[in-house]
Amino acid sequence: MEPRTRLAEALAELPGVEVEALATHGVSVMREIEETRPEVVILDVQMPQGGALGLIHQIKSALKPPIVIALSSVSSRMYRSKCRNVGAELFFDKVSETEALLRAVSEIRNGLER
């Protein structure tokens, strides 16, 4: 099973979290966001077709944008900063911070319910 599918399954096990889509490139990501209007988007910045930083900016330019969480195995301070500068609220290393990502999504979900 590929890492993206494992992460989606782990997220779906969190109370109140529903995984809507697993888009694989920028065009399908934007289409899915427009169709489903999610509260949170988790974006692997090494996604196929590239352009993830521009995609984060495009997502955050929407009228009522979702919370964007950037996920990458390239987790240098500079790269984290670039993701935040284009609008990502959070950044996690997909190799070593999966548990922290799951906790953050759970906390966001709980905050949205209030």
Protein backbone atom coordinates (compact mmCIF):
# COMPACT_ATOMS: atom_id res chain seq x y z
CA MET A 1 0.00 0.00 0.00
CA GLU A 2 1.39 3.38 -0.96
CA PRO A 3 2.09 6.03 1.73
CA ARG A 4 -0.68 8.34 0.49
CA THR A 5 -3.27 5.61 0.90
CA ARG A 6 -1.95 4.70 4.37
CA LEU A 7 -2.17 8.34 5.43
CA ALA A 8 -5.71 8.66 4.07
CA GLU A 9 -6.74 5.56 6.03
CA ALA A 10 -5.14 6.89 9.23
CA LEU A 11 -6.91 10.24 8.78
CA ALA A 12 -10.25 8.52 8.12
CA GLU A 13 -9.94 6.74 11.47
CA LEU A 14 -9.91 10.06 13.34
CA PRO A 15 -13.31 10.96 14.87
CA GLY A 16 -15.16 13.51 12.74
CA VAL A 17 -12.67 13.37 9.86
CA GLU A 18 -13.85 12.43 6.41
CA VAL A 19 -11.34 11.94 3.59
CA GLU A 20 -12.91 13.28 0.40
CA ALA A 21 -10.36 12.70 -2.36
CA LEU A 22 -6.84 11.69 -3.20
CA ALA A 23 -6.04 13.95 -6.16
CA THR A 24 -2.65 13.46 -7.78
CA HIS A 25 -1.91 16.71 -9.61
CA GLY A 26 -2.72 20.39 -9.43
CA VAL A 27 -5.65 20.46 -11.86
CA SER A 28 -7.46 17.62 -10.09
CA VAL A 29 -6.65 19.11 -6.66
CA MET A 30 -8.31 22.41 -7.56
CA ARG A 31 -11.27 20.61 -9.13
CA GLU A 32 -11.77 18.49 -6.00
CA ILE A 33 -11.50 21.55 -3.73
CA GLU A 34 -14.06 23.45 -5.79
CA GLU A 35 -16.45 20.47 -5.80
CA THR A 36 -16.14 19.34 -2.17
CA ARG A 37 -15.29 22.61 -0.33
CA PRO A 38 -13.14 20.90 2.33
CA GLU A 39 -12.25 22.55 5.62
CA VAL A 40 -8.68 21.22 5.46
CA VAL A 41 -6.43 20.28 2.53
CA ILE A 42 -3.30 18.21 3.07
CA LEU A 43 -0.94 18.68 0.16
CA ASP A 44 2.22 16.72 -0.55
CA VAL A 45 4.49 19.39 -1.95
CA GLN A 46 6.39 16.75 -3.96
CA MET A 47 3.21 15.84 -5.82
CA PRO A 48 3.51 14.67 -9.42
CA GLN A 49 3.47 17.51 -11.98
CA GLY A 50 5.15 19.85 -9.43
CA GLY A 51 4.05 23.41 -8.82
CA ALA A 52 2.88 22.78 -5.26
CA LEU A 53 3.93 26.18 -3.94
CA GLY A 54 1.86 27.88 -6.66
CA LEU A 55 -0.99 25.51 -5.91
CA ILE A 56 -0.93 26.44 -2.20
CA HIS A 57 -1.10 30.09 -3.19
CA GLN A 58 -3.99 29.37 -5.59
CA ILE A 59 -5.90 27.45 -2.90
CA LYS A 60 -5.42 30.25 -0.38
CA SER A 61 -6.61 32.84 -2.92
CA ALA A 62 -10.12 31.35 -2.88
CA LEU A 63 -12.94 33.38 -1.31
CA LYS A 64 -13.25 31.06 1.68
CA PRO A 65 -10.06 29.00 1.57
CA PRO A 66 -9.53 25.79 3.52
CA ILE A 67 -6.74 25.33 6.01
CA VAL A 68 -3.72 24.07 4.07
CA ILE A 69 -1.28 21.60 5.57
CA ALA A 70 1.90 21.06 3.55
CA LEU A 71 3.52 17.65 3.76
CA SER A 72 6.97 16.77 2.43
CA SER A 73 10.04 14.65 2.96
CA VAL A 74 12.08 17.79 2.24
CA SER A 75 11.71 19.52 5.57
CA SER A 76 14.49 22.08 5.72
CA ARG A 77 13.70 25.33 7.51
CA MET A 78 13.87 27.19 4.19
CA TYR A 79 11.34 24.88 2.53
CA ARG A 80 8.99 25.06 5.51
CA SER A 81 9.25 28.83 5.33
CA LYS A 82 8.46 28.88 1.59
CA CYS A 83 5.31 26.83 2.19
CA ARG A 84 4.20 29.14 4.98
CA ASN A 85 4.97 32.23 2.87
CA VAL A 86 2.53 31.10 0.16
CA GLY A 87 -0.20 30.35 2.70
CA ALA A 88 0.19 26.92 4.27
CA GLU A 89 -0.84 27.12 7.92
CA LEU A 90 1.12 24.01 8.92
CA PHE A 91 4.02 21.93 7.57
CA PHE A 92 4.97 18.38 8.50
CA ASP A 93 7.76 16.05 7.47
CA LYS A 94 5.93 13.07 6.00
CA VAL A 95 8.65 10.66 7.12
CA SER A 96 9.04 11.63 10.77
CA GLU A 97 6.01 13.74 11.74
CA THR A 98 3.01 11.62 10.76
CA GLU A 99 1.75 11.34 14.35
CA ALA A 100 2.07 15.11 14.80
CA LEU A 101 0.09 15.59 11.57
CA LEU A 102 -2.69 13.30 12.82
CA ARG A 103 -2.81 15.16 16.16
CA ALA A 104 -2.97 18.52 14.37
CA VAL A 105 -5.83 17.38 12.12
CA SER A 106 -7.69 16.08 15.15
CA GLU A 107 -7.17 19.39 16.98
CA ILE A 108 -8.31 21.37 13.92
CA ARG A 109 -11.41 19.17 13.64
CA ASN A 110 -12.22 19.69 17.30
CA GLY A 111 -11.76 23.44 16.91
CA LEU A 112 -14.07 23.56 13.90
CA GLU A 113 -16.82 21.81 15.86
CA ARG A 114 -16.86 24.53 18.53
